[in-house]
């Protein structure tokens, strides 16, 4: 049992009480404009602006695979921009998803969620445009988050 709660709905409108972190996967190229990020940008401009600035200034910060940027979008709501895919297209090197980067990033998310007393909410990260499989991602979430006592809700959009 993974301890993950699955619901139908929109991960940009997380359900429940208390502090929440919306976690999602970004690429390592600074590109933002397809997939779940479109829904995020429709709701808040800050996560995209922060991600683009983080990438632009990467020579002087921690922007890399496995890194996480936390952007506060409400009094009790944060977005975790997790760099978990190399590039944007499936090609000769396979799919863009990097499971080890997602694992590292979720470790950081677990620490922050613990500090905030937050639950974590997400779509099926790494499994859309990144090309990953849920059978590989779900155990990472279970190990890094639910296994550490962090409540997780995964949203399947209608």
Protein backbone atom coordinates (compact mmCIF):
# COMPACT_ATOMS: atom_id res chain seq x y z
CA UNK A 1 0.00 0.00 0.00
CA UNK A 2 1.51 3.29 -1.13
CA UNK A 3 -0.48 5.52 1.24
CA UNK A 4 -1.25 7.85 -1.68
CA UNK A 5 -4.80 9.19 -1.99
CA UNK A 6 -6.09 9.26 -5.57
CA UNK A 7 -8.87 11.64 -6.58
CA UNK A 8 -10.47 12.93 -9.77
CA UNK A 9 -9.95 16.64 -10.08
CA UNK A 10 -7.60 19.52 -10.65
CA UNK A 11 -4.24 19.50 -8.88
CA UNK A 12 -4.15 23.31 -9.10
CA UNK A 13 -7.17 23.35 -6.76
CA UNK A 14 -5.92 21.01 -4.00
CA UNK A 15 -8.50 19.56 -1.65
CA UNK A 16 -8.44 19.45 2.14
CA UNK A 17 -7.42 21.70 5.01
CA UNK A 18 -4.09 23.13 6.07
CA UNK A 19 -0.91 24.07 4.27
CA UNK A 20 -0.46 22.47 0.85
CA UNK A 21 2.41 22.06 -1.60
CA UNK A 22 1.62 21.43 -5.28
CA UNK A 23 4.54 19.44 -6.70
CA UNK A 24 5.21 19.10 -10.42
CA UNK A 25 8.06 18.29 -12.79
CA UNK A 26 9.87 20.87 -14.94
CA UNK A 27 12.53 20.37 -17.60
CA UNK A 28 16.17 21.46 -17.41
CA UNK A 29 15.98 23.73 -20.48
CA UNK A 30 13.97 26.61 -19.06
CA UNK A 31 10.96 25.71 -21.19
CA UNK A 32 7.49 26.28 -19.72
CA UNK A 33 4.41 26.09 -21.89
CA UNK A 34 3.01 22.57 -22.29
CA UNK A 35 1.34 20.12 -19.97
CA UNK A 36 0.50 20.78 -16.31
CA UNK A 37 2.42 24.08 -16.20
CA UNK A 38 -0.22 25.63 -18.47
CA UNK A 39 -2.85 25.00 -15.76
CA UNK A 40 -0.51 26.44 -13.11
CA UNK A 41 0.09 29.59 -15.16
CA UNK A 42 -3.63 30.04 -15.72
CA UNK A 43 -4.08 30.22 -11.96
CA UNK A 44 -0.91 32.06 -10.84
CA UNK A 45 1.83 33.93 -12.73
CA UNK A 46 4.45 33.51 -9.97
CA UNK A 47 5.58 29.87 -10.50
CA UNK A 48 6.39 30.45 -14.18
CA UNK A 49 8.10 33.81 -13.56
CA UNK A 50 10.16 32.32 -10.72
CA UNK A 51 11.12 29.24 -12.79
CA UNK A 52 12.18 31.32 -15.78
CA UNK A 53 14.27 33.63 -13.53
CA UNK A 54 15.79 30.59 -11.76
CA UNK A 55 16.81 29.12 -15.12
CA UNK A 56 18.06 32.45 -16.53
CA UNK A 57 20.26 33.01 -13.44
CA UNK A 58 21.37 29.34 -13.23
CA UNK A 59 25.07 30.21 -13.37
CA UNK A 60 24.69 31.60 -9.85
CA UNK A 61 22.17 29.24 -8.26
CA UNK A 62 21.25 25.57 -7.75
CA UNK A 63 19.22 25.08 -10.97
CA UNK A 64 19.93 21.49 -12.09
CA UNK A 65 18.31 18.08 -12.30
CA UNK A 66 16.94 17.20 -8.86
CA UNK A 67 16.69 20.81 -7.65
CA UNK A 68 13.46 22.29 -6.29
CA UNK A 69 12.20 25.85 -6.19
CA UNK A 70 9.36 26.66 -3.77
CA UNK A 71 7.04 29.49 -4.82
CA UNK A 72 4.37 30.74 -2.43
CA UNK A 73 1.09 31.46 -4.27
CA UNK A 74 -1.25 31.87 -1.30
CA UNK A 75 -1.18 32.16 2.49
CA UNK A 76 -1.20 28.35 2.88
CA UNK A 77 -0.24 27.27 -0.64
CA UNK A 78 3.12 26.65 -2.29
CA UNK A 79 4.16 25.35 -5.72
CA UNK A 80 7.26 23.14 -5.91
CA UNK A 81 8.99 23.49 -9.29
CA UNK A 82 11.01 20.24 -9.44
CA UNK A 83 13.61 19.82 -12.19
CA UNK A 84 12.97 16.19 -13.10
CA UNK A 85 13.36 15.87 -16.83
CA UNK A 86 16.28 16.30 -19.18
CA UNK A 87 15.16 18.16 -22.27
CA UNK A 88 11.63 18.08 -23.60
CA UNK A 89 11.42 15.47 -26.34
CA UNK A 90 11.72 11.72 -26.58
CA UNK A 91 14.65 10.97 -28.85
CA UNK A 92 17.73 8.80 -29.26
CA UNK A 93 18.47 9.10 -25.55
CA UNK A 94 14.97 7.90 -24.60
CA UNK A 95 12.27 9.74 -22.69
CA UNK A 96 13.01 13.05 -20.89
CA UNK A 97 12.02 11.84 -17.39
CA UNK A 98 14.88 11.36 -14.91
CA UNK A 99 13.64 9.18 -12.06
CA UNK A 100 16.72 9.82 -9.92
CA UNK A 101 16.14 13.58 -10.23
CA UNK A 102 12.50 13.17 -9.20
CA UNK A 103 13.66 11.06 -6.24
CA UNK A 104 16.14 13.75 -5.14
CA UNK A 105 13.58 16.53 -5.62
CA UNK A 106 10.89 14.69 -3.65
CA UNK A 107 13.37 14.29 -0.78
CA UNK A 108 13.65 18.09 -0.69
CA UNK A 109 9.86 18.44 -0.93
CA UNK A 110 9.46 16.04 2.02
CA UNK A 111 11.74 18.19 4.19
CA UNK A 112 9.89 21.40 3.30
CA UNK A 113 6.47 19.76 3.74
CA UNK A 114 7.60 18.63 7.19
CA UNK A 115 8.75 22.14 8.11
CA UNK A 116 5.45 23.62 6.89
CA UNK A 117 3.24 20.83 8.28
CA UNK A 118 1.95 20.53 4.71
CA UNK A 119 0.32 17.89 2.57
CA UNK A 120 1.60 17.39 -0.99
CA UNK A 121 -0.64 17.47 -4.06
CA UNK A 122 0.30 16.60 -7.64
CA UNK A 123 -0.75 15.26 -11.00
CA UNK A 124 0.92 11.97 -12.04
CA UNK A 125 4.32 13.67 -12.12
CA UNK A 126 6.81 12.60 -14.76
CA UNK A 127 4.21 10.59 -16.66
CA UNK A 128 2.87 13.11 -19.17
CA UNK A 129 5.20 14.91 -21.53
CA UNK A 130 8.23 13.59 -19.59
CA UNK A 131 7.33 10.07 -20.77
CA UNK A 132 7.71 8.26 -17.47
CA UNK A 133 5.64 5.39 -16.11
CA UNK A 134 3.57 5.55 -12.95
CA UNK A 135 4.81 2.12 -11.88
CA UNK A 136 8.29 3.71 -11.52
CA UNK A 137 7.17 7.05 -10.04
CA UNK A 138 4.66 5.81 -7.45
CA UNK A 139 7.24 3.88 -5.35
CA UNK A 140 9.50 6.97 -5.29
CA UNK A 141 6.60 9.04 -3.91
CA UNK A 142 5.82 6.32 -1.38
CA UNK A 143 9.45 6.14 -0.26
CA UNK A 144 10.15 9.85 -0.09
CA UNK A 145 6.80 11.26 1.05
CA UNK A 146 4.11 8.92 2.36
CA UNK A 147 6.75 6.64 3.89
CA UNK A 148 7.96 9.68 5.87
CA UNK A 149 4.45 10.55 7.03
CA UNK A 150 3.73 13.27 4.46
CA UNK A 151 0.15 13.01 3.15
CA UNK A 152 0.00 12.88 -0.66
CA UNK A 153 -2.94 13.35 -2.99
CA UNK A 154 -2.60 12.54 -6.69
CA UNK A 155 -5.11 14.12 -9.05
CA UNK A 156 -6.36 12.51 -12.24
CA UNK A 157 -7.91 15.23 -14.38
CA UNK A 158 -11.34 14.46 -15.82
